[in-house]
Amino acid sequence: MQEALSNVMRHAPGADARVVIGYHTAGLTVRVTNTAPDGTAEPPRGAGHGLLGMRERTTMLGGEFTNGTVPGGGYEVLATLPLEDSP
């Protein structure tokens, strides 16, 4: 969640961000969505590994990770993490 919110600040200046956390019998879902940016983001200063790192950490925990654009010009990051006691 922290990395996703950092990415909103870095890549979508002026955008609104929304965090939704869902707890259910099979696991935990974390969704970070932002609106379209109000301004232009600064050019990246390096290769960056934010999305790759989020995907790797989610996979390491046995979860699922998706990311991509949403209607209206925003972006979404969604991670679903299983509970240890899940069948």
Protein backbone atom coordinates (compact mmCIF):
# COMPACT_ATOMS: atom_id res chain seq x y z
CA MET A 1 0.00 0.00 0.00
CA GLN A 2 2.81 2.39 0.86
CA GLU A 3 4.54 1.88 -2.49
CA ALA A 4 1.27 2.31 -4.39
CA LEU A 5 0.55 5.59 -2.60
CA SER A 6 4.12 6.77 -3.22
CA ASN A 7 3.60 6.05 -6.91
CA VAL A 8 0.44 8.16 -6.94
CA MET A 9 2.35 11.11 -5.50
CA ARG A 10 5.27 10.57 -7.87
CA HIS A 11 3.45 9.79 -11.13
CA ALA A 12 0.04 11.45 -10.76
CA PRO A 13 0.49 14.89 -9.19
CA GLY A 14 -2.75 16.39 -7.93
CA ALA A 15 -4.67 13.13 -8.27
CA ASP A 16 -7.03 11.89 -5.58
CA ALA A 17 -6.17 8.49 -4.14
CA ARG A 18 -8.51 5.95 -2.59
CA VAL A 19 -7.49 2.97 -0.45
CA VAL A 20 -9.90 0.09 0.11
CA ILE A 21 -8.99 -2.81 2.37
CA GLY A 22 -11.18 -5.89 2.35
CA TYR A 23 -10.99 -8.72 4.84
CA HIS A 24 -12.73 -11.97 3.94
CA THR A 25 -12.51 -15.63 4.87
CA ALA A 26 -9.89 -16.43 2.23
CA GLY A 27 -7.64 -13.42 2.73
CA LEU A 28 -7.02 -9.72 2.57
CA THR A 29 -7.53 -7.47 -0.44
CA VAL A 30 -5.78 -4.10 -0.78
CA ARG A 31 -6.84 -1.78 -3.60
CA VAL A 32 -5.25 1.62 -4.27
CA THR A 33 -6.88 3.66 -7.02
CA ASN A 34 -6.13 7.18 -8.17
CA THR A 35 -7.87 9.64 -10.43
CA ALA A 36 -6.21 11.20 -13.45
CA PRO A 37 -3.39 13.58 -12.53
CA ASP A 38 -4.00 17.32 -12.47
CA GLY A 39 -0.49 18.06 -13.67
CA THR A 40 2.46 16.57 -15.46
CA ALA A 41 4.72 14.26 -13.49
CA GLU A 42 8.45 14.86 -13.36
CA PRO A 43 10.42 12.57 -15.66
CA PRO A 44 11.53 9.36 -13.91
CA ARG A 45 15.02 9.50 -12.41
CA GLY A 46 15.79 5.84 -12.85
CA ALA A 47 14.45 2.47 -13.85
CA GLY A 48 12.22 2.16 -10.79
CA HIS A 49 11.04 -1.17 -9.46
CA GLY A 50 7.88 -0.19 -7.56
CA LEU A 51 5.33 -2.29 -9.46
CA LEU A 52 7.77 -5.17 -9.93
CA GLY A 53 8.57 -5.14 -6.20
CA MET A 54 4.87 -5.12 -5.27
CA ARG A 55 4.24 -8.05 -7.62
CA GLU A 56 7.21 -10.00 -6.23
CA ARG A 57 6.21 -9.47 -2.59
CA THR A 58 2.60 -10.42 -3.29
CA THR A 59 3.66 -13.57 -5.15
CA MET A 60 6.11 -14.49 -2.39
CA LEU A 61 3.15 -14.50 0.04
CA GLY A 62 1.06 -16.70 -2.29
CA GLY A 63 -1.15 -13.83 -3.41
CA GLU A 64 -2.30 -12.28 -6.65
CA PHE A 65 -1.38 -8.86 -8.01
CA THR A 66 -2.85 -6.78 -10.81
CA ASN A 67 -2.34 -3.21 -11.93
CA GLY A 68 -3.39 -0.99 -14.79
CA THR A 69 -5.27 2.03 -16.00
CA VAL A 70 -8.90 2.68 -15.11
CA PRO A 71 -11.55 4.62 -17.04
CA GLY A 72 -11.09 8.37 -16.77
CA GLY A 73 -7.29 8.31 -16.84
CA GLY A 74 -6.58 6.93 -13.38
CA TYR A 75 -4.64 3.91 -12.23
CA GLU A 76 -5.28 0.96 -9.92
CA VAL A 77 -3.13 -1.46 -7.95
CA LEU A 78 -4.84 -4.53 -6.47
CA ALA A 79 -3.22 -7.15 -4.24
CA THR A 80 -5.01 -10.15 -2.77
CA LEU A 81 -3.14 -11.91 0.03
CA PRO A 82 -4.26 -15.30 1.36
CA LEU A 83 -4.71 -16.01 5.05
CA GLU A 84 -2.35 -18.63 6.41
CA ASP A 85 -5.22 -20.84 7.58
CA SER A 86 -7.04 -20.77 4.22
CA PRO A 87 -7.84 -24.20 2.79
